[in-house]
Amino acid sequence: MNRSTRVRIVAHRPLLRAGLERLAASAHLTVVDTCEEADLVLRAADEPFDGAPVDVTLAGGAIVVTCQETPSNAVCDALGRIVSSALSG
């Protein structure tokens, strides 16, 4: 992989955002601020879906992945790291 997979965090409550940022770091993802830069979105359950090509929502102990397009191999690897990190820690 030439660069780290980039993730945009969508969570307006500071503690939720911090938790999602920690999850992204543990999955070795780079947090970015804009839709155009992001390979996927990591979203709090109370945030509305915004049509991101690959969206990961954590809700009530479940991890919901929504794909609007086929993810690249790098994004698939990142999804595996997100799930693994979320379930292990």
PDB file of N, CA and C in Angstrom:
ATOM      1  N   MET A   1       0.856  -1.182   0.000  1.00  0.00           N
ATOM      2  CA  MET A   1       0.000   0.000   0.000  1.00  0.00           C
ATOM      3  C   MET A   1       0.896   1.238   0.000  1.00  0.00           C
ATOM      4  N   ASN A   2       0.674   2.152  -0.924  1.00  0.00           N
ATOM      5  CA  ASN A   2       1.511   3.332  -1.058  1.00  0.00           C
ATOM      6  C   ASN A   2       1.252   4.386  -0.002  1.00  0.00           C
ATOM      7  N   ARG A   3       0.056   4.467   0.475  1.00  0.00           N
ATOM      8  CA  ARG A   3      -0.288   5.469   1.488  1.00  0.00           C
ATOM      9  C   ARG A   3      -1.298   4.854   2.442  1.00  0.00           C
ATOM     10  N   SER A   4      -1.434   5.483   3.566  1.00  0.00           N
ATOM     11  CA  SER A   4      -2.408   5.016   4.536  1.00  0.00           C
ATOM     12  C   SER A   4      -3.817   5.272   4.017  1.00  0.00           C
ATOM     13  N   THR A   5      -4.726   4.371   4.334  1.00  0.00           N
ATOM     14  CA  THR A   5      -6.132   4.586   3.988  1.00  0.00           C
ATOM     15  C   THR A   5      -6.641   5.775   4.784  1.00  0.00           C
ATOM     16  N   ARG A   6      -7.382   6.646   4.125  1.00  0.00           N
ATOM     17  CA  ARG A   6      -7.849   7.888   4.745  1.00  0.00           C
ATOM     18  C   ARG A   6      -9.315   7.759   5.141  1.00  0.00           C
ATOM     19  N   VAL A   7      -9.615   8.220   6.337  1.00  0.00           N
ATOM     20  CA  VAL A   7     -10.965   8.115   6.879  1.00  0.00           C
ATOM     21  C   VAL A   7     -11.432   9.491   7.351  1.00  0.00           C
ATOM     22  N   ARG A   8     -12.695   9.766   7.094  1.00  0.00           N
ATOM     23  CA  ARG A   8     -13.330  10.983   7.635  1.00  0.00           C
ATOM     24  C   ARG A   8     -14.198  10.541   8.807  1.00  0.00           C
ATOM     25  N   ILE A   9     -14.091  11.243   9.910  1.00  0.00           N
ATOM     26  CA  ILE A   9     -14.867  10.950  11.112  1.00  0.00           C
ATOM     27  C   ILE A   9     -16.088  11.866  11.136  1.00  0.00           C
ATOM     28  N   VAL A  10     -17.268  11.269  11.351  1.00  0.00           N
ATOM     29  CA  VAL A  10     -18.495  12.060  11.470  1.00  0.00           C
ATOM     30  C   VAL A  10     -19.116  11.745  12.831  1.00  0.00           C
ATOM     31  N   ALA A  11     -18.889  12.654  13.761  1.00  0.00           N
ATOM     32  CA  ALA A  11     -19.455  12.551  15.112  1.00  0.00           C
ATOM     33  C   ALA A  11     -19.360  13.944  15.725  1.00  0.00           C
ATOM     34  N   HIS A  12     -20.487  14.504  16.066  1.00  0.00           N
ATOM     35  CA  HIS A  12     -20.478  15.863  16.590  1.00  0.00           C
ATOM     36  C   HIS A  12     -20.263  15.926  18.100  1.00  0.00           C
ATOM     37  N   ARG A  13     -20.538  14.848  18.796  1.00  0.00           N
ATOM     38  CA  ARG A  13     -20.281  14.842  20.234  1.00  0.00           C
ATOM     39  C   ARG A  13     -18.804  14.525  20.464  1.00  0.00           C
ATOM     40  N   PRO A  14     -18.122  15.372  21.250  1.00  0.00           N
ATOM     41  CA  PRO A  14     -16.665  15.246  21.405  1.00  0.00           C
ATOM     42  C   PRO A  14     -16.184  13.878  21.880  1.00  0.00           C
ATOM     43  N   LEU A  15     -16.856  13.262  22.827  1.00  0.00           N
ATOM     44  CA  LEU A  15     -16.394  11.967  23.315  1.00  0.00           C
ATOM     45  C   LEU A  15     -16.563  10.873  22.266  1.00  0.00           C
ATOM     46  N   LEU A  16     -17.659  10.927  21.523  1.00  0.00           N
ATOM     47  CA  LEU A  16     -17.842   9.970  20.428  1.00  0.00           C
ATOM     48  C   LEU A  16     -16.777  10.168  19.362  1.00  0.00           C
ATOM     49  N   ARG A  17     -16.526  11.410  19.024  1.00  0.00           N
ATOM     50  CA  ARG A  17     -15.500  11.701  18.019  1.00  0.00           C
ATOM     51  C   ARG A  17     -14.134  11.186  18.481  1.00  0.00           C
ATOM     52  N   ALA A  18     -13.802  11.440  19.739  1.00  0.00           N
ATOM     53  CA  ALA A  18     -12.516  10.972  20.268  1.00  0.00           C
ATOM     54  C   ALA A  18     -12.422   9.449  20.206  1.00  0.00           C
ATOM     55  N   GLY A  19     -13.513   8.767  20.519  1.00  0.00           N
ATOM     56  CA  GLY A  19     -13.520   7.310  20.445  1.00  0.00           C
ATOM     57  C   GLY A  19     -13.330   6.799  19.030  1.00  0.00           C
ATOM     58  N   LEU A  20     -13.976   7.449  18.060  1.00  0.00           N
ATOM     59  CA  LEU A  20     -13.819   7.039  16.661  1.00  0.00           C
ATOM     60  C   LEU A  20     -12.421   7.369  16.140  1.00  0.00           C
ATOM     61  N   GLU A  21     -11.858   8.472  16.600  1.00  0.00           N
ATOM     62  CA  GLU A  21     -10.481   8.809  16.226  1.00  0.00           C
ATOM     63  C   GLU A  21      -9.511   7.775  16.793  1.00  0.00           C
ATOM     64  N   ARG A  22      -9.759   7.337  18.010  1.00  0.00           N
ATOM     65  CA  ARG A  22      -8.918   6.309  18.624  1.00  0.00           C
ATOM     66  C   ARG A  22      -9.035   4.991  17.853  1.00  0.00           C
ATOM     67  N   LEU A  23     -10.253   4.640  17.454  1.00  0.00           N
ATOM     68  CA  LEU A  23     -10.465   3.437  16.658  1.00  0.00           C
ATOM     69  C   LEU A  23      -9.719   3.548  15.328  1.00  0.00           C
ATOM     70  N   ALA A  24      -9.805   4.703  14.673  1.00  0.00           N
ATOM     71  CA  ALA A  24      -9.099   4.910  13.402  1.00  0.00           C
ATOM     72  C   ALA A  24      -7.591   4.764  13.588  1.00  0.00           C
ATOM     73  N   ALA A  25      -7.068   5.319  14.659  1.00  0.00           N
ATOM     74  CA  ALA A  25      -5.629   5.215  14.924  1.00  0.00           C
ATOM     75  C   ALA A  25      -5.227   3.767  15.174  1.00  0.00           C
ATOM     76  N   SER A  26      -6.038   3.032  15.918  1.00  0.00           N
ATOM     77  CA  SER A  26      -5.697   1.639  16.206  1.00  0.00           C
ATOM     78  C   SER A  26      -5.779   0.768  14.952  1.00  0.00           C
ATOM     79  N   ALA A  27      -6.549   1.206  13.953  1.00  0.00           N
ATOM     80  CA  ALA A  27      -6.653   0.491  12.681  1.00  0.00           C
ATOM     81  C   ALA A  27      -5.647   1.030  11.649  1.00  0.00           C
ATOM     82  N   HIS A  28      -4.755   1.926  12.090  1.00  0.00           N
ATOM     83  CA  HIS A  28      -3.699   2.500  11.242  1.00  0.00           C
ATOM     84  C   HIS A  28      -4.269   3.274  10.052  1.00  0.00           C
ATOM     85  N   LEU A  29      -5.299   4.090  10.332  1.00  0.00           N
ATOM     86  CA  LEU A  29      -5.913   4.932   9.317  1.00  0.00           C
ATOM     87  C   LEU A  29      -5.498   6.377   9.534  1.00  0.00           C
ATOM     88  N   THR A  30      -5.495   7.157   8.473  1.00  0.00           N
ATOM     89  CA  THR A  30      -5.200   8.582   8.549  1.00  0.00           C
ATOM     90  C   THR A  30      -6.515   9.344   8.543  1.00  0.00           C
ATOM     91  N   VAL A  31      -6.743  10.180   9.556  1.00  0.00           N
ATOM     92  CA  VAL A  31      -7.972  10.964   9.644  1.00  0.00           C
ATOM     93  C   VAL A  31      -7.821  12.228   8.795  1.00  0.00           C
ATOM     94  N   VAL A  32      -8.821  12.467   7.931  1.00  0.00           N
ATOM     95  CA  VAL A  32      -8.856  13.659   7.086  1.00  0.00           C
ATOM     96  C   VAL A  32     -10.176  14.398   7.334  1.00  0.00           C
ATOM     97  N   ASP A  33     -10.246  15.626   6.854  1.00  0.00           N
ATOM     98  CA  ASP A  33     -11.407  16.466   7.143  1.00  0.00           C
ATOM     99  C   ASP A  33     -12.449  16.540   6.041  1.00  0.00           C
ATOM    100  N   THR A  34     -12.089  16.238   4.803  1.00  0.00           N
ATOM    101  CA  THR A  34     -13.036  16.452   3.716  1.00  0.00           C
ATOM    102  C   THR A  34     -13.454  15.150   3.043  1.00  0.00           C
ATOM    103  N   CYS A  35     -14.613  15.191   2.437  1.00  0.00           N
ATOM    104  CA  CYS A  35     -15.143  14.035   1.693  1.00  0.00           C
ATOM    105  C   CYS A  35     -14.210  13.649   0.553  1.00  0.00           C
ATOM    106  N   GLU A  36     -13.670  14.651  -0.120  1.00  0.00           N
ATOM    107  CA  GLU A  36     -12.850  14.398  -1.296  1.00  0.00           C
ATOM    108  C   GLU A  36     -11.575  13.642  -0.956  1.00  0.00           C
ATOM    109  N   GLU A  37     -11.045  13.845   0.233  1.00  0.00           N
ATOM    110  CA  GLU A  37      -9.799  13.192   0.644  1.00  0.00           C
ATOM    111  C   GLU A  37     -10.024  11.781   1.177  1.00  0.00           C
ATOM    112  N   ALA A  38     -11.220  11.488   1.668  1.00  0.00           N
ATOM    113  CA  ALA A  38     -11.477  10.256   2.406  1.00  0.00           C
ATOM    114  C   ALA A  38     -11.731   9.061   1.500  1.00  0.00           C
ATOM    115  N   ASP A  39     -11.188   7.909   1.916  1.00  0.00           N
ATOM    116  CA  ASP A  39     -11.477   6.641   1.256  1.00  0.00           C
ATOM    117  C   ASP A  39     -12.731   6.002   1.841  1.00  0.00           C
ATOM    118  N   LEU A  40     -13.019   6.327   3.092  1.00  0.00           N
ATOM    119  CA  LEU A  40     -14.209   5.808   3.764  1.00  0.00           C
ATOM    120  C   LEU A  40     -14.595   6.752   4.893  1.00  0.00           C
ATOM    121  N   VAL A  41     -15.805   6.541   5.419  1.00  0.00           N
ATOM    122  CA  VAL A  41     -16.318   7.362   6.513  1.00  0.00           C
ATOM    123  C   VAL A  41     -16.567   6.468   7.718  1.00  0.00           C
ATOM    124  N   LEU A  42     -16.142   6.933   8.874  1.00  0.00           N
ATOM    125  CA  LEU A  42     -16.407   6.269  10.142  1.00  0.00           C
ATOM    126  C   LEU A  42     -17.373   7.175  10.891  1.00  0.00           C
ATOM    127  N   ARG A  43     -18.592   6.674  11.132  1.00  0.00           N
ATOM    128  CA  ARG A  43     -19.701   7.526  11.565  1.00  0.00           C
ATOM    129  C   ARG A  43     -20.310   7.047  12.878  1.00  0.00           C
ATOM    130  N   ALA A  44     -20.695   8.002  13.723  1.00  0.00           N
ATOM    131  CA  ALA A  44     -21.470   7.697  14.924  1.00  0.00           C
ATOM    132  C   ALA A  44     -22.894   7.342  14.501  1.00  0.00           C
ATOM    133  N   ALA A  45     -23.546   6.511  15.276  1.00  0.00           N
ATOM    134  CA  ALA A  45     -24.887   6.017  14.925  1.00  0.00           C
ATOM    135  C   ALA A  45     -25.924   7.127  14.806  1.00  0.00           C
ATOM    136  N   ASP A  46     -25.745   8.216  15.540  1.00  0.00           N
ATOM    137  CA  ASP A  46     -26.745   9.283  15.511  1.00  0.00           C
ATOM    138  C   ASP A  46     -26.508  10.310  14.396  1.00  0.00           C
ATOM    139  N   GLU A  47     -25.543  10.051  13.537  1.00  0.00           N
ATOM    140  CA  GLU A  47     -25.258  10.956  12.415  1.00  0.00           C
ATOM    141  C   GLU A  47     -25.899  10.398  11.148  1.00  0.00           C
ATOM    142  N   PRO A  48     -26.534  11.251  10.347  1.00  0.00           N
ATOM    143  CA  PRO A  48     -27.202  10.756   9.137  1.00  0.00           C
ATOM    144  C   PRO A  48     -26.198  10.334   8.059  1.00  0.00           C
ATOM    145  N   PHE A  49     -26.583   9.320   7.300  1.00  0.00           N
ATOM    146  CA  PHE A  49     -25.785   8.863   6.171  1.00  0.00           C
ATOM    147  C   PHE A  49     -25.730   9.978   5.133  1.00  0.00           C
ATOM    148  N   ASP A  50     -24.548  10.192   4.540  1.00  0.00           N
ATOM    149  CA  ASP A  50     -24.414  11.290   3.576  1.00  0.00           C
ATOM    150  C   ASP A  50     -24.009  10.822   2.178  1.00  0.00           C
ATOM    151  N   GLY A  51     -24.191   9.524   1.916  1.00  0.00           N
ATOM    152  CA  GLY A  51     -23.901   9.027   0.579  1.00  0.00           C
ATOM    153  C   GLY A  51     -22.451   8.691   0.318  1.00  0.00           C
ATOM    154  N   ALA A  52     -21.643   8.550   1.364  1.00  0.00           N
ATOM    155  CA  ALA A  52     -20.234   8.201   1.184  1.00  0.00           C
ATOM    156  C   ALA A  52     -20.119   6.856   0.468  1.00  0.00           C
ATOM    157  N   PRO A  53     -19.113   6.703  -0.390  1.00  0.00           N
ATOM    158  CA  PRO A  53     -18.958   5.444  -1.122  1.00  0.00           C
ATOM    159  C   PRO A  53     -18.809   4.224  -0.204  1.00  0.00           C
ATOM    160  N   VAL A  54     -18.072   4.385   0.899  1.00  0.00           N
ATOM    161  CA  VAL A  54     -17.926   3.326   1.899  1.00  0.00           C
ATOM    162  C   VAL A  54     -18.131   3.971   3.263  1.00  0.00           C
ATOM    163  N   ASP A  55     -19.119   3.475   3.997  1.00  0.00           N
ATOM    164  CA  ASP A  55     -19.533   4.085   5.262  1.00  0.00           C
ATOM    165  C   ASP A  55     -19.542   3.008   6.344  1.00  0.00           C
ATOM    166  N   VAL A  56     -18.909   3.307   7.468  1.00  0.00           N
ATOM    167  CA  VAL A  56     -18.888   2.387   8.605  1.00  0.00           C
ATOM    168  C   VAL A  56     -19.565   3.085   9.771  1.00  0.00           C
ATOM    169  N   THR A  57     -20.631   2.476  10.296  1.00  0.00           N
ATOM    170  CA  THR A  57     -21.367   3.032  11.427  1.00  0.00           C
ATOM    171  C   THR A  57     -21.284   2.061  12.593  1.00  0.00           C
ATOM    172  N   LEU A  58     -20.968   2.580  13.769  1.00  0.00           N
ATOM    173  CA  LEU A  58     -20.956   1.768  14.981  1.00  0.00           C
ATOM    174  C   LEU A  58     -22.195   2.119  15.779  1.00  0.00           C
ATOM    175  N   ALA A  59     -23.015   1.093  16.043  1.00  0.00           N
ATOM    176  CA  ALA A  59     -24.293   1.330  16.698  1.00  0.00           C
ATOM    177  C   ALA A  59     -24.652   0.165  17.604  1.00  0.00           C
ATOM    178  N   GLY A  60     -24.778   0.433  18.881  1.00  0.00           N
ATOM    179  CA  GLY A  60     -25.267  -0.566  19.818  1.00  0.00           C
ATOM    180  C   GLY A  60     -24.523  -1.884  19.777  1.00  0.00           C
ATOM    181  N   GLY A  61     -23.217  -1.840  19.668  1.00  0.00           N
ATOM    182  CA  GLY A  61     -22.428  -3.054  19.634  1.00  0.00           C
ATOM    183  C   GLY A  61     -22.319  -3.694  18.266  1.00  0.00           C
ATOM    184  N   ALA A  62     -22.947  -3.111  17.262  1.00  0.00           N
ATOM    185  CA  ALA A  62     -22.874  -3.639  15.896  1.00  0.00           C
ATOM    186  C   ALA A  62     -22.045  -2.707  15.025  1.00  0.00           C
ATOM    187  N   ILE A  63     -21.433  -3.297  14.017  1.00  0.00           N
ATOM    188  CA  ILE A  63     -20.673  -2.530  13.031  1.00  0.00           C
ATOM    189  C   ILE A  63     -21.403  -2.707  11.701  1.00  0.00           C
ATOM    190  N   VAL A  64     -21.873  -1.599  11.134  1.00  0.00           N
ATOM    191  CA  VAL A  64     -22.635  -1.652   9.883  1.00  0.00           C
ATOM    192  C   VAL A  64     -21.794  -1.010   8.786  1.00  0.00           C
ATOM    193  N   VAL A  65     -21.500  -1.790   7.751  1.00  0.00           N
ATOM    194  CA  VAL A  65     -20.731  -1.289   6.618  1.00  0.00           C
ATOM    195  C   VAL A  65     -21.687  -1.147   5.440  1.00  0.00           C
ATOM    196  N   THR A  66     -21.735   0.056   4.856  1.00  0.00           N
ATOM    197  CA  THR A  66     -22.570   0.334   3.698  1.00  0.00           C
ATOM    198  C   THR A  66     -21.659   0.716   2.546  1.00  0.00           C
ATOM    199  N   CYS A  67     -21.777   0.010   1.442  1.00  0.00           N
ATOM    200  CA  CYS A  67     -20.946   0.290   0.266  1.00  0.00           C
ATOM    201  C   CYS A  67     -21.833   0.748  -0.882  1.00  0.00           C
ATOM    202  N   GLN A  68     -21.541   1.929  -1.400  1.00  0.00           N
ATOM    203  CA  GLN A  68     -22.218   2.452  -2.583  1.00  0.00           C
ATOM    204  C   GLN A  68     -21.438   2.111  -3.848  1.00  0.00           C
ATOM    205  N   GLU A  69     -20.185   1.656  -3.662  1.00  0.00           N
ATOM    206  CA  GLU A  69     -19.344   1.213  -4.765  1.00  0.00           C
ATOM    207  C   GLU A  69     -18.402   0.142  -4.230  1.00  0.00           C
ATOM    208  N   THR A  70     -17.781  -0.603  -5.125  1.00  0.00           N
ATOM    209  CA  THR A  70     -16.864  -1.658  -4.702  1.00  0.00           C
ATOM    210  C   THR A  70     -15.619  -1.035  -4.085  1.00  0.00           C
ATOM    211  N   PRO A  71     -15.315  -1.391  -2.831  1.00  0.00           N
ATOM    212  CA  PRO A  71     -14.124  -0.824  -2.194  1.00  0.00           C
ATOM    213  C   PRO A  71     -12.841  -1.395  -2.808  1.00  0.00           C
ATOM    214  N   SER A  72     -11.802  -0.601  -2.799  1.00  0.00           N
ATOM    215  CA  SER A  72     -10.493  -1.065  -3.267  1.00  0.00           C
ATOM    216  C   SER A  72      -9.950  -2.109  -2.290  1.00  0.00           C
ATOM    217  N   ASN A  73      -8.908  -2.799  -2.696  1.00  0.00           N
ATOM    218  CA  ASN A  73      -8.282  -3.767  -1.803  1.00  0.00           C
ATOM    219  C   ASN A  73      -7.775  -3.105  -0.528  1.00  0.00           C
ATOM    220  N   ALA A  74      -7.212  -1.905  -0.654  1.00  0.00           N
ATOM    221  CA  ALA A  74      -6.708  -1.188   0.522  1.00  0.00           C
ATOM    222  C   ALA A  74      -7.843  -0.851   1.486  1.00  0.00           C
ATOM    223  N   VAL A  75      -8.988  -0.443   0.951  1.00  0.00           N
ATOM    224  CA  VAL A  75     -10.140  -0.129   1.813  1.00  0.00           C
ATOM    225  C   VAL A  75     -10.690  -1.403   2.449  1.00  0.00           C
ATOM    226  N   CYS A  76     -10.720  -2.500   1.710  1.00  0.00           N
ATOM    227  CA  CYS A  76     -11.158  -3.784   2.290  1.00  0.00           C
ATOM    228  C   CYS A  76     -10.244  -4.179   3.448  1.00  0.00           C
ATOM    229  N   ASP A  77      -8.950  -4.020   3.265  1.00  0.00           N
ATOM    230  CA  ASP A  77      -8.006  -4.312   4.355  1.00  0.00           C
ATOM    231  C   ASP A  77      -8.276  -3.403   5.553  1.00  0.00           C
ATOM    232  N   ALA A  78      -8.532  -2.125   5.286  1.00  0.00           N
ATOM    233  CA  ALA A  78      -8.821  -1.178   6.362  1.00  0.00           C
ATOM    234  C   ALA A  78     -10.108  -1.558   7.094  1.00  0.00           C
ATOM    235  N   LEU A  79     -11.117  -2.011   6.363  1.00  0.00           N
ATOM    236  CA  LEU A  79     -12.368  -2.442   6.995  1.00  0.00           C
ATOM    237  C   LEU A  79     -12.112  -3.605   7.937  1.00  0.00           C
ATOM    238  N   GLY A  80     -11.275  -4.541   7.523  1.00  0.00           N
ATOM    239  CA  GLY A  80     -10.926  -5.657   8.400  1.00  0.00           C
ATOM    240  C   GLY A  80     -10.227  -5.184   9.663  1.00  0.00           C
ATOM    241  N   ARG A  81      -9.331  -4.208   9.526  1.00  0.00           N
ATOM    242  CA  ARG A  81      -8.636  -3.669  10.715  1.00  0.00           C
ATOM    243  C   ARG A  81      -9.594  -2.913  11.624  1.00  0.00           C
ATOM    244  N   ILE A  82     -10.561  -2.194  11.042  1.00  0.00           N
ATOM    245  CA  ILE A  82     -11.550  -1.478  11.852  1.00  0.00           C
ATOM    246  C   ILE A  82     -12.378  -2.470  12.661  1.00  0.00           C
ATOM    247  N   VAL A  83     -12.886  -3.503  12.002  1.00  0.00           N
ATOM    248  CA  VAL A  83     -13.710  -4.503  12.689  1.00  0.00           C
ATOM    249  C   VAL A  83     -12.895  -5.180  13.786  1.00  0.00           C
ATOM    250  N   SER A  84     -11.685  -5.586  13.461  1.00  0.00           N
ATOM    251  CA  SER A  84     -10.831  -6.250  14.434  1.00  0.00           C
ATOM    252  C   SER A  84     -10.553  -5.346  15.643  1.00  0.00           C
ATOM    253  N   SER A  85     -10.212  -4.100  15.378  1.00  0.00           N
ATOM    254  CA  SER A  85      -9.924  -3.149  16.463  1.00  0.00           C
ATOM    255  C   SER A  85     -11.164  -2.866  17.303  1.00  0.00           C
ATOM    256  N   ALA A  86     -12.308  -2.711  16.648  1.00  0.00           N
ATOM    257  CA  ALA A  86     -13.545  -2.406  17.379  1.00  0.00           C
ATOM    258  C   ALA A  86     -13.967  -3.568  18.275  1.00  0.00           C
ATOM    259  N   LEU A  87     -13.806  -4.775  17.797  1.00  0.00           N
ATOM    260  CA  LEU A  87     -14.252  -5.937  18.565  1.00  0.00           C
ATOM    261  C   LEU A  87     -13.266  -6.375  19.633  1.00  0.00           C
ATOM    262  N   SER A  88     -12.004  -5.970  19.475  1.00  0.00           N
ATOM    263  CA  SER A  88     -11.005  -6.390  20.453  1.00  0.00           C
ATOM    264  C   SER A  88     -10.756  -5.358  21.533  1.00  0.00           C
ATOM    265  N   GLY A  89     -11.254  -4.164  21.345  1.00  0.00           N
ATOM    266  CA  GLY A  89     -10.855  -3.216  22.333  1.00  0.00           C
ATOM    267  C   GLY A  89     -11.765  -2.163  22.686  1.00  0.00           C
TER     268      GLY A  89
END
